[in-house]
């Protein structure tokens, strides 16, 4: 059996292979905003396996990802980026 890798590290960030969607994005959608994984899969054209791999990566690297989320949130607030604009940016990452 050949292992399937759904997560890659690019420029120090964990992303879903073949996309620009980060583990942080999935965590923000599912863990923080409590979006269902099925909805995330449908909205962002991902498989359930990709989403679960991102969540597994998060739980293996929780402190690191949480810190990156805090840093990103602080940057967005400092820049005055509205939440709907952030969501649009995420949707364009397909």
PDB file of N, CA and C in Angstrom:
ATOM      1  N   UNK A   1       0.839  -1.179   0.000  1.00  0.00           N
ATOM      2  CA  UNK A   1       0.000   0.000   0.000  1.00  0.00           C
ATOM      3  C   UNK A   1       0.891   1.250   0.000  1.00  0.00           C
ATOM      4  N   UNK A   2       0.576   2.187  -0.857  1.00  0.00           N
ATOM      5  CA  UNK A   2       1.338   3.422  -0.972  1.00  0.00           C
ATOM      6  C   UNK A   2       0.669   4.486  -0.103  1.00  0.00           C
ATOM      7  N   UNK A   3       1.448   5.135   0.776  1.00  0.00           N
ATOM      8  CA  UNK A   3       0.841   6.183   1.603  1.00  0.00           C
ATOM      9  C   UNK A   3       0.432   7.388   0.755  1.00  0.00           C
ATOM     10  N   UNK A   4      -0.649   8.003   1.136  1.00  0.00           N
ATOM     11  CA  UNK A   4      -1.129   9.197   0.445  1.00  0.00           C
ATOM     12  C   UNK A   4      -0.848  10.390   1.350  1.00  0.00           C
ATOM     13  N   UNK A   5      -0.117  11.340   0.837  1.00  0.00           N
ATOM     14  CA  UNK A   5       0.202  12.540   1.606  1.00  0.00           C
ATOM     15  C   UNK A   5      -0.689  13.680   1.148  1.00  0.00           C
ATOM     16  N   UNK A   6      -1.440  14.213   2.078  1.00  0.00           N
ATOM     17  CA  UNK A   6      -2.335  15.319   1.766  1.00  0.00           C
ATOM     18  C   UNK A   6      -1.790  16.661   2.229  1.00  0.00           C
ATOM     19  N   UNK A   7      -0.736  16.654   3.044  1.00  0.00           N
ATOM     20  CA  UNK A   7      -0.186  17.886   3.591  1.00  0.00           C
ATOM     21  C   UNK A   7       1.252  18.052   3.122  1.00  0.00           C
ATOM     22  N   UNK A   8       1.588  19.272   2.715  1.00  0.00           N
ATOM     23  CA  UNK A   8       2.963  19.587   2.339  1.00  0.00           C
ATOM     24  C   UNK A   8       3.389  20.860   3.057  1.00  0.00           C
ATOM     25  N   UNK A   9       4.672  20.967   3.302  1.00  0.00           N
ATOM     26  CA  UNK A   9       5.212  22.181   3.899  1.00  0.00           C
ATOM     27  C   UNK A   9       5.795  23.036   2.789  1.00  0.00           C
ATOM     28  N   UNK A  10       5.315  24.282   2.728  1.00  0.00           N
ATOM     29  CA  UNK A  10       5.786  25.232   1.730  1.00  0.00           C
ATOM     30  C   UNK A  10       6.088  26.546   2.435  1.00  0.00           C
ATOM     31  N   UNK A  11       7.314  26.982   2.329  1.00  0.00           N
ATOM     32  CA  UNK A  11       7.731  28.241   2.968  1.00  0.00           C
ATOM     33  C   UNK A  11       7.369  28.265   4.450  1.00  0.00           C
ATOM     34  N   UNK A  12       7.541  27.126   5.105  1.00  0.00           N
ATOM     35  CA  UNK A  12       7.298  27.043   6.534  1.00  0.00           C
ATOM     36  C   UNK A  12       5.836  26.912   6.924  1.00  0.00           C
ATOM     37  N   UNK A  13       4.941  26.779   5.964  1.00  0.00           N
ATOM     38  CA  UNK A  13       3.513  26.647   6.256  1.00  0.00           C
ATOM     39  C   UNK A  13       3.007  25.295   5.764  1.00  0.00           C
ATOM     40  N   UNK A  14       2.084  24.723   6.513  1.00  0.00           N
ATOM     41  CA  UNK A  14       1.485  23.447   6.140  1.00  0.00           C
ATOM     42  C   UNK A  14       0.250  23.718   5.280  1.00  0.00           C
ATOM     43  N   UNK A  15       0.278  23.174   4.059  1.00  0.00           N
ATOM     44  CA  UNK A  15      -0.825  23.365   3.118  1.00  0.00           C
ATOM     45  C   UNK A  15      -1.368  22.023   2.645  1.00  0.00           C
ATOM     46  N   UNK A  16      -2.607  22.035   2.189  1.00  0.00           N
ATOM     47  CA  UNK A  16      -3.172  20.862   1.546  1.00  0.00           C
ATOM     48  C   UNK A  16      -2.531  20.776   0.163  1.00  0.00           C
ATOM     49  N   UNK A  17      -1.979  19.619  -0.159  1.00  0.00           N
ATOM     50  CA  UNK A  17      -1.261  19.410  -1.416  1.00  0.00           C
ATOM     51  C   UNK A  17      -2.131  19.830  -2.605  1.00  0.00           C
ATOM     52  N   UNK A  18      -1.512  20.579  -3.521  1.00  0.00           N
ATOM     53  CA  UNK A  18      -2.192  20.995  -4.741  1.00  0.00           C
ATOM     54  C   UNK A  18      -3.117  22.187  -4.570  1.00  0.00           C
ATOM     55  N   UNK A  19      -3.116  22.793  -3.383  1.00  0.00           N
ATOM     56  CA  UNK A  19      -3.960  23.962  -3.133  1.00  0.00           C
ATOM     57  C   UNK A  19      -3.125  25.024  -2.426  1.00  0.00           C
ATOM     58  N   UNK A  20      -3.735  26.164  -2.211  1.00  0.00           N
ATOM     59  CA  UNK A  20      -3.118  27.204  -1.388  1.00  0.00           C
ATOM     60  C   UNK A  20      -3.820  27.289  -0.036  1.00  0.00           C
ATOM     61  N   UNK A  21      -4.601  26.275   0.292  1.00  0.00           N
ATOM     62  CA  UNK A  21      -5.347  26.249   1.555  1.00  0.00           C
ATOM     63  C   UNK A  21      -4.455  25.665   2.639  1.00  0.00           C
ATOM     64  N   UNK A  22      -4.298  26.436   3.710  1.00  0.00           N
ATOM     65  CA  UNK A  22      -3.412  26.024   4.796  1.00  0.00           C
ATOM     66  C   UNK A  22      -4.165  25.236   5.859  1.00  0.00           C
ATOM     67  N   UNK A  23      -3.393  24.548   6.671  1.00  0.00           N
ATOM     68  CA  UNK A  23      -3.953  23.873   7.839  1.00  0.00           C
ATOM     69  C   UNK A  23      -4.634  24.907   8.726  1.00  0.00           C
ATOM     70  N   UNK A  24      -4.034  26.082   8.832  1.00  0.00           N
ATOM     71  CA  UNK A  24      -4.625  27.168   9.626  1.00  0.00           C
ATOM     72  C   UNK A  24      -6.020  27.531   9.114  1.00  0.00           C
ATOM     73  N   UNK A  25      -6.184  27.550   7.789  1.00  0.00           N
ATOM     74  CA  UNK A  25      -7.493  27.860   7.210  1.00  0.00           C
ATOM     75  C   UNK A  25      -8.539  26.829   7.641  1.00  0.00           C
ATOM     76  N   UNK A  26      -8.162  25.557   7.580  1.00  0.00           N
ATOM     77  CA  UNK A  26      -9.090  24.487   7.951  1.00  0.00           C
ATOM     78  C   UNK A  26      -9.417  24.569   9.441  1.00  0.00           C
ATOM     79  N   UNK A  27      -8.414  24.833  10.244  1.00  0.00           N
ATOM     80  CA  UNK A  27      -8.638  24.968  11.691  1.00  0.00           C
ATOM     81  C   UNK A  27      -9.576  26.136  11.965  1.00  0.00           C
ATOM     82  N   UNK A  28      -9.357  27.257  11.284  1.00  0.00           N
ATOM     83  CA  UNK A  28     -10.227  28.420  11.484  1.00  0.00           C
ATOM     84  C   UNK A  28     -11.665  28.089  11.113  1.00  0.00           C
ATOM     85  N   UNK A  29     -11.844  27.373  10.028  1.00  0.00           N
ATOM     86  CA  UNK A  29     -13.193  27.022   9.590  1.00  0.00           C
ATOM     87  C   UNK A  29     -13.852  25.989  10.493  1.00  0.00           C
ATOM     88  N   UNK A  30     -13.124  24.929  10.820  1.00  0.00           N
ATOM     89  CA  UNK A  30     -13.742  23.809  11.536  1.00  0.00           C
ATOM     90  C   UNK A  30     -13.656  23.926  13.055  1.00  0.00           C
ATOM     91  N   UNK A  31     -12.475  24.137  13.572  1.00  0.00           N
ATOM     92  CA  UNK A  31     -12.279  24.135  15.026  1.00  0.00           C
ATOM     93  C   UNK A  31     -12.817  25.430  15.636  1.00  0.00           C
ATOM     94  N   UNK A  32     -12.482  26.559  15.041  1.00  0.00           N
ATOM     95  CA  UNK A  32     -12.877  27.839  15.622  1.00  0.00           C
ATOM     96  C   UNK A  32     -14.318  28.202  15.261  1.00  0.00           C
ATOM     97  N   UNK A  33     -14.657  28.145  13.973  1.00  0.00           N
ATOM     98  CA  UNK A  33     -16.001  28.549  13.525  1.00  0.00           C
ATOM     99  C   UNK A  33     -17.014  27.410  13.522  1.00  0.00           C
ATOM    100  N   UNK A  34     -16.551  26.215  13.809  1.00  0.00           N
ATOM    101  CA  UNK A  34     -17.390  25.022  13.926  1.00  0.00           C
ATOM    102  C   UNK A  34     -18.170  24.691  12.650  1.00  0.00           C
ATOM    103  N   UNK A  35     -17.559  24.955  11.499  1.00  0.00           N
ATOM    104  CA  UNK A  35     -18.156  24.553  10.229  1.00  0.00           C
ATOM    105  C   UNK A  35     -18.004  23.042  10.085  1.00  0.00           C
ATOM    106  N   UNK A  36     -19.006  22.405   9.540  1.00  0.00           N
ATOM    107  CA  UNK A  36     -18.960  20.952   9.339  1.00  0.00           C
ATOM    108  C   UNK A  36     -17.947  20.611   8.238  1.00  0.00           C
ATOM    109  N   UNK A  37     -17.266  19.491   8.403  1.00  0.00           N
ATOM    110  CA  UNK A  37     -16.251  19.109   7.411  1.00  0.00           C
ATOM    111  C   UNK A  37     -16.879  18.891   6.036  1.00  0.00           C
ATOM    112  N   UNK A  38     -18.095  18.402   5.996  1.00  0.00           N
ATOM    113  CA  UNK A  38     -18.776  18.197   4.710  1.00  0.00           C
ATOM    114  C   UNK A  38     -18.997  19.532   3.995  1.00  0.00           C
ATOM    115  N   UNK A  39     -19.351  20.561   4.757  1.00  0.00           N
ATOM    116  CA  UNK A  39     -19.563  21.891   4.176  1.00  0.00           C
ATOM    117  C   UNK A  39     -18.237  22.444   3.654  1.00  0.00           C
ATOM    118  N   UNK A  40     -17.181  22.295   4.448  1.00  0.00           N
ATOM    119  CA  UNK A  40     -15.861  22.778   4.027  1.00  0.00           C
ATOM    120  C   UNK A  40     -15.443  22.082   2.733  1.00  0.00           C
ATOM    121  N   UNK A  41     -15.639  20.772   2.686  1.00  0.00           N
ATOM    122  CA  UNK A  41     -15.271  20.012   1.487  1.00  0.00           C
ATOM    123  C   UNK A  41     -16.015  20.535   0.264  1.00  0.00           C
ATOM    124  N   UNK A  42     -17.297  20.773   0.419  1.00  0.00           N
ATOM    125  CA  UNK A  42     -18.114  21.253  -0.696  1.00  0.00           C
ATOM    126  C   UNK A  42     -17.718  22.668  -1.118  1.00  0.00           C
ATOM    127  N   UNK A  43     -17.541  23.561  -0.161  1.00  0.00           N
ATOM    128  CA  UNK A  43     -17.248  24.965  -0.459  1.00  0.00           C
ATOM    129  C   UNK A  43     -15.871  25.170  -1.078  1.00  0.00           C
ATOM    130  N   UNK A  44     -14.908  24.346  -0.684  1.00  0.00           N
ATOM    131  CA  UNK A  44     -13.522  24.564  -1.104  1.00  0.00           C
ATOM    132  C   UNK A  44     -12.993  23.459  -2.004  1.00  0.00           C
ATOM    133  N   UNK A  45     -13.903  22.624  -2.507  1.00  0.00           N
ATOM    134  CA  UNK A  45     -13.546  21.563  -3.453  1.00  0.00           C
ATOM    135  C   UNK A  45     -12.420  20.678  -2.911  1.00  0.00           C
ATOM    136  N   UNK A  46     -12.604  20.216  -1.669  1.00  0.00           N
ATOM    137  CA  UNK A  46     -11.645  19.337  -1.010  1.00  0.00           C
ATOM    138  C   UNK A  46     -12.305  17.997  -0.726  1.00  0.00           C
ATOM    139  N   UNK A  47     -11.477  16.995  -0.494  1.00  0.00           N
ATOM    140  CA  UNK A  47     -12.013  15.711  -0.061  1.00  0.00           C
ATOM    141  C   UNK A  47     -12.044  15.670   1.460  1.00  0.00           C
ATOM    142  N   UNK A  48     -12.854  14.783   1.991  1.00  0.00           N
ATOM    143  CA  UNK A  48     -12.884  14.616   3.440  1.00  0.00           C
ATOM    144  C   UNK A  48     -11.522  14.169   3.944  1.00  0.00           C
ATOM    145  N   UNK A  49     -10.828  13.350   3.168  1.00  0.00           N
ATOM    146  CA  UNK A  49      -9.491  12.895   3.563  1.00  0.00           C
ATOM    147  C   UNK A  49      -8.532  14.069   3.688  1.00  0.00           C
ATOM    148  N   UNK A  50      -8.610  15.029   2.769  1.00  0.00           N
ATOM    149  CA  UNK A  50      -7.734  16.201   2.843  1.00  0.00           C
ATOM    150  C   UNK A  50      -8.017  17.013   4.109  1.00  0.00           C
ATOM    151  N   UNK A  51      -9.281  17.189   4.416  1.00  0.00           N
ATOM    152  CA  UNK A  51      -9.650  17.961   5.604  1.00  0.00           C
ATOM    153  C   UNK A  51      -9.214  17.247   6.870  1.00  0.00           C
ATOM    154  N   UNK A  52      -9.455  15.950   6.934  1.00  0.00           N
ATOM    155  CA  UNK A  52      -9.052  15.192   8.123  1.00  0.00           C
ATOM    156  C   UNK A  52      -7.531  15.143   8.269  1.00  0.00           C
ATOM    157  N   UNK A  53      -6.812  15.111   7.146  1.00  0.00           N
ATOM    158  CA  UNK A  53      -5.347  15.164   7.214  1.00  0.00           C
ATOM    159  C   UNK A  53      -4.892  16.504   7.781  1.00  0.00           C
ATOM    160  N   UNK A  54      -5.553  17.585   7.368  1.00  0.00           N
ATOM    161  CA  UNK A  54      -5.220  18.909   7.904  1.00  0.00           C
ATOM    162  C   UNK A  54      -5.491  18.964   9.400  1.00  0.00           C
ATOM    163  N   UNK A  55      -6.599  18.392   9.826  1.00  0.00           N
ATOM    164  CA  UNK A  55      -6.922  18.378  11.255  1.00  0.00           C
ATOM    165  C   UNK A  55      -5.950  17.501  12.030  1.00  0.00           C
ATOM    166  N   UNK A  56      -5.552  16.370  11.455  1.00  0.00           N
ATOM    167  CA  UNK A  56      -4.567  15.509  12.118  1.00  0.00           C
ATOM    168  C   UNK A  56      -3.240  16.255  12.273  1.00  0.00           C
ATOM    169  N   UNK A  57      -2.852  16.978  11.221  1.00  0.00           N
ATOM    170  CA  UNK A  57      -1.622  17.770  11.306  1.00  0.00           C
ATOM    171  C   UNK A  57      -1.748  18.807  12.417  1.00  0.00           C
ATOM    172  N   UNK A  58      -2.900  19.437  12.496  1.00  0.00           N
ATOM    173  CA  UNK A  58      -3.128  20.427  13.554  1.00  0.00           C
ATOM    174  C   UNK A  58      -2.952  19.811  14.936  1.00  0.00           C
ATOM    175  N   UNK A  59      -3.569  18.668  15.171  1.00  0.00           N
ATOM    176  CA  UNK A  59      -3.479  18.061  16.496  1.00  0.00           C
ATOM    177  C   UNK A  59      -2.062  17.567  16.804  1.00  0.00           C
ATOM    178  N   UNK A  60      -1.292  17.238  15.778  1.00  0.00           N
ATOM    179  CA  UNK A  60       0.111  16.861  15.984  1.00  0.00           C
ATOM    180  C   UNK A  60       1.007  18.076  16.234  1.00  0.00           C
ATOM    181  N   UNK A  61       0.585  19.250  15.774  1.00  0.00           N
ATOM    182  CA  UNK A  61       1.404  20.472  15.850  1.00  0.00           C
ATOM    183  C   UNK A  61       0.571  21.632  16.405  1.00  0.00           C
ATOM    184  N   UNK A  62      -0.227  21.337  17.390  1.00  0.00           N
ATOM    185  CA  UNK A  62      -1.224  22.288  17.892  1.00  0.00           C
ATOM    186  C   UNK A  62      -0.631  23.626  18.342  1.00  0.00           C
ATOM    187  N   UNK A  63       0.407  23.597  19.144  1.00  0.00           N
ATOM    188  CA  UNK A  63       0.984  24.854  19.657  1.00  0.00           C
ATOM    189  C   UNK A  63       1.479  25.743  18.516  1.00  0.00           C
ATOM    190  N   UNK A  64       2.163  25.147  17.574  1.00  0.00           N
ATOM    191  CA  UNK A  64       2.713  25.884  16.435  1.00  0.00           C
ATOM    192  C   UNK A  64       1.595  26.508  15.585  1.00  0.00           C
ATOM    193  N   UNK A  65       0.564  25.731  15.298  1.00  0.00           N
ATOM    194  CA  UNK A  65      -0.542  26.231  14.472  1.00  0.00           C
ATOM    195  C   UNK A  65      -1.331  27.298  15.229  1.00  0.00           C
ATOM    196  N   UNK A  66      -1.589  27.072  16.511  1.00  0.00           N
ATOM    197  CA  UNK A  66      -2.305  28.067  17.308  1.00  0.00           C
ATOM    198  C   UNK A  66      -1.551  29.399  17.328  1.00  0.00           C
ATOM    199  N   UNK A  67      -0.239  29.341  17.450  1.00  0.00           N
ATOM    200  CA  UNK A  67       0.572  30.562  17.449  1.00  0.00           C
ATOM    201  C   UNK A  67       0.474  31.273  16.101  1.00  0.00           C
ATOM    202  N   UNK A  68       0.520  30.516  15.018  1.00  0.00           N
ATOM    203  CA  UNK A  68       0.396  31.108  13.682  1.00  0.00           C
ATOM    204  C   UNK A  68      -0.975  31.749  13.497  1.00  0.00           C
ATOM    205  N   UNK A  69      -2.010  31.119  14.036  1.00  0.00           N
ATOM    206  CA  UNK A  69      -3.355  31.694  13.952  1.00  0.00           C
ATOM    207  C   UNK A  69      -3.435  33.019  14.712  1.00  0.00           C
ATOM    208  N   UNK A  70      -2.861  33.053  15.896  1.00  0.00           N
ATOM    209  CA  UNK A  70      -2.867  34.285  16.697  1.00  0.00           C
ATOM    210  C   UNK A  70      -2.122  35.402  15.966  1.00  0.00           C
ATOM    211  N   UNK A  71      -0.981  35.078  15.403  1.00  0.00           N
ATOM    212  CA  UNK A  71      -0.186  36.061  14.673  1.00  0.00           C
ATOM    213  C   UNK A  71      -0.956  36.590  13.467  1.00  0.00           C
ATOM    214  N   UNK A  72      -1.573  35.687  12.720  1.00  0.00           N
ATOM    215  CA  UNK A  72      -2.357  36.084  11.547  1.00  0.00           C
ATOM    216  C   UNK A  72      -3.553  36.938  11.918  1.00  0.00           C
ATOM    217  N   UNK A  73      -4.220  36.591  12.995  1.00  0.00           N
ATOM    218  CA  UNK A  73      -5.382  37.361  13.450  1.00  0.00           C
ATOM    219  C   UNK A  73      -4.961  38.767  13.870  1.00  0.00           C
ATOM    220  N   UNK A  74      -3.854  38.854  14.584  1.00  0.00           N
ATOM    221  CA  UNK A  74      -3.355  40.159  15.024  1.00  0.00           C
ATOM    222  C   UNK A  74      -2.990  41.024  13.818  1.00  0.00           C
ATOM    223  N   UNK A  75      -2.358  40.419  12.807  1.00  0.00           N
ATOM    224  CA  UNK A  75      -1.998  41.160  11.592  1.00  0.00           C
ATOM    225  C   UNK A  75      -3.236  41.673  10.867  1.00  0.00           C
ATOM    226  N   UNK A  76      -4.265  40.826  10.764  1.00  0.00           N
ATOM    227  CA  UNK A  76      -5.498  41.223  10.077  1.00  0.00           C
ATOM    228  C   UNK A  76      -6.185  42.363  10.820  1.00  0.00           C
ATOM    229  N   UNK A  77      -6.219  42.284  12.134  1.00  0.00           N
ATOM    230  CA  UNK A  77      -6.841  43.352  12.919  1.00  0.00           C
ATOM    231  C   UNK A  77      -6.062  44.653  12.783  1.00  0.00           C
ATOM    232  N   UNK A  78      -4.747  44.561  12.822  1.00  0.00           N
ATOM    233  CA  UNK A  78      -3.909  45.755  12.692  1.00  0.00           C
ATOM    234  C   UNK A  78      -4.092  46.399  11.315  1.00  0.00           C
ATOM    235  N   UNK A  79      -4.316  45.568  10.314  1.00  0.00           N
ATOM    236  CA  UNK A  79      -4.492  46.083   8.953  1.00  0.00           C
ATOM    237  C   UNK A  79      -5.927  46.518   8.704  1.00  0.00           C
ATOM    238  N   UNK A  80      -6.821  46.178   9.627  1.00  0.00           N
ATOM    239  CA  UNK A  80      -8.226  46.547   9.470  1.00  0.00           C
ATOM    240  C   UNK A  80      -8.921  45.763   8.377  1.00  0.00           C
ATOM    241  N   UNK A  81      -8.534  44.515   8.190  1.00  0.00           N
ATOM    242  CA  UNK A  81      -9.132  43.682   7.154  1.00  0.00           C
ATOM    243  C   UNK A  81     -10.459  43.127   7.663  1.00  0.00           C
ATOM    244  N   UNK A  82     -11.575  43.433   6.976  1.00  0.00           N
ATOM    245  CA  UNK A  82     -12.869  42.922   7.413  1.00  0.00           C
ATOM    246  C   UNK A  82     -12.953  41.403   7.271  1.00  0.00           C
ATOM    247  N   UNK A  83     -13.745  40.783   8.131  1.00  0.00           N
ATOM    248  CA  UNK A  83     -13.885  39.324   8.125  1.00  0.00           C
ATOM    249  C   UNK A  83     -14.387  38.796   6.788  1.00  0.00           C
ATOM    250  N   UNK A  84     -15.320  39.507   6.133  1.00  0.00           N
ATOM    251  CA  UNK A  84     -15.842  39.017   4.857  1.00  0.00           C
ATOM    252  C   UNK A  84     -14.767  39.049   3.769  1.00  0.00           C
ATOM    253  N   UNK A  85     -13.850  39.992   3.851  1.00  0.00           N
ATOM    254  CA  UNK A  85     -12.744  40.043   2.899  1.00  0.00           C
ATOM    255  C   UNK A  85     -11.792  38.867   3.120  1.00  0.00           C
ATOM    256  N   UNK A  86     -11.574  38.532   4.377  1.00  0.00           N
ATOM    257  CA  UNK A  86     -10.736  37.383   4.707  1.00  0.00           C
ATOM    258  C   UNK A  86     -11.365  36.109   4.165  1.00  0.00           C
ATOM    259  N   UNK A  87     -12.682  35.976   4.302  1.00  0.00           N
ATOM    260  CA  UNK A  87     -13.383  34.798   3.783  1.00  0.00           C
ATOM    261  C   UNK A  87     -13.269  34.733   2.271  1.00  0.00           C
ATOM    262  N   UNK A  88     -13.410  35.853   1.587  1.00  0.00           N
ATOM    263  CA  UNK A  88     -13.259  35.884   0.137  1.00  0.00           C
ATOM    264  C   UNK A  88     -11.864  35.452  -0.281  1.00  0.00           C
ATOM    265  N   UNK A  89     -10.843  35.909   0.456  1.00  0.00           N
ATOM    266  CA  UNK A  89      -9.459  35.531   0.164  1.00  0.00           C
ATOM    267  C   UNK A  89      -9.294  34.015   0.292  1.00  0.00           C
ATOM    268  N   UNK A  90      -9.885  33.460   1.333  1.00  0.00           N
ATOM    269  CA  UNK A  90      -9.793  32.026   1.549  1.00  0.00           C
ATOM    270  C   UNK A  90     -10.478  31.267   0.421  1.00  0.00           C
ATOM    271  N   UNK A  91     -11.625  31.731   0.003  1.00  0.00           N
ATOM    272  CA  UNK A  91     -12.365  31.043  -1.067  1.00  0.00           C
ATOM    273  C   UNK A  91     -11.583  31.073  -2.375  1.00  0.00           C
ATOM    274  N   UNK A  92     -10.798  32.102  -2.590  1.00  0.00           N
ATOM    275  CA  UNK A  92     -10.033  32.204  -3.837  1.00  0.00           C
ATOM    276  C   UNK A  92      -8.817  31.289  -3.845  1.00  0.00           C
ATOM    277  N   UNK A  93      -8.534  30.631  -2.750  1.00  0.00           N
ATOM    278  CA  UNK A  93      -7.348  29.769  -2.647  1.00  0.00           C
ATOM    279  C   UNK A  93      -7.548  28.377  -3.208  1.00  0.00           C
ATOM    280  N   UNK A  94      -8.628  28.086  -3.800  1.00  0.00           N
ATOM    281  CA  UNK A  94      -8.895  26.731  -4.302  1.00  0.00           C
ATOM    282  C   UNK A  94      -7.830  26.236  -5.200  1.00  0.00           C
TER     283      UNK A  94
END
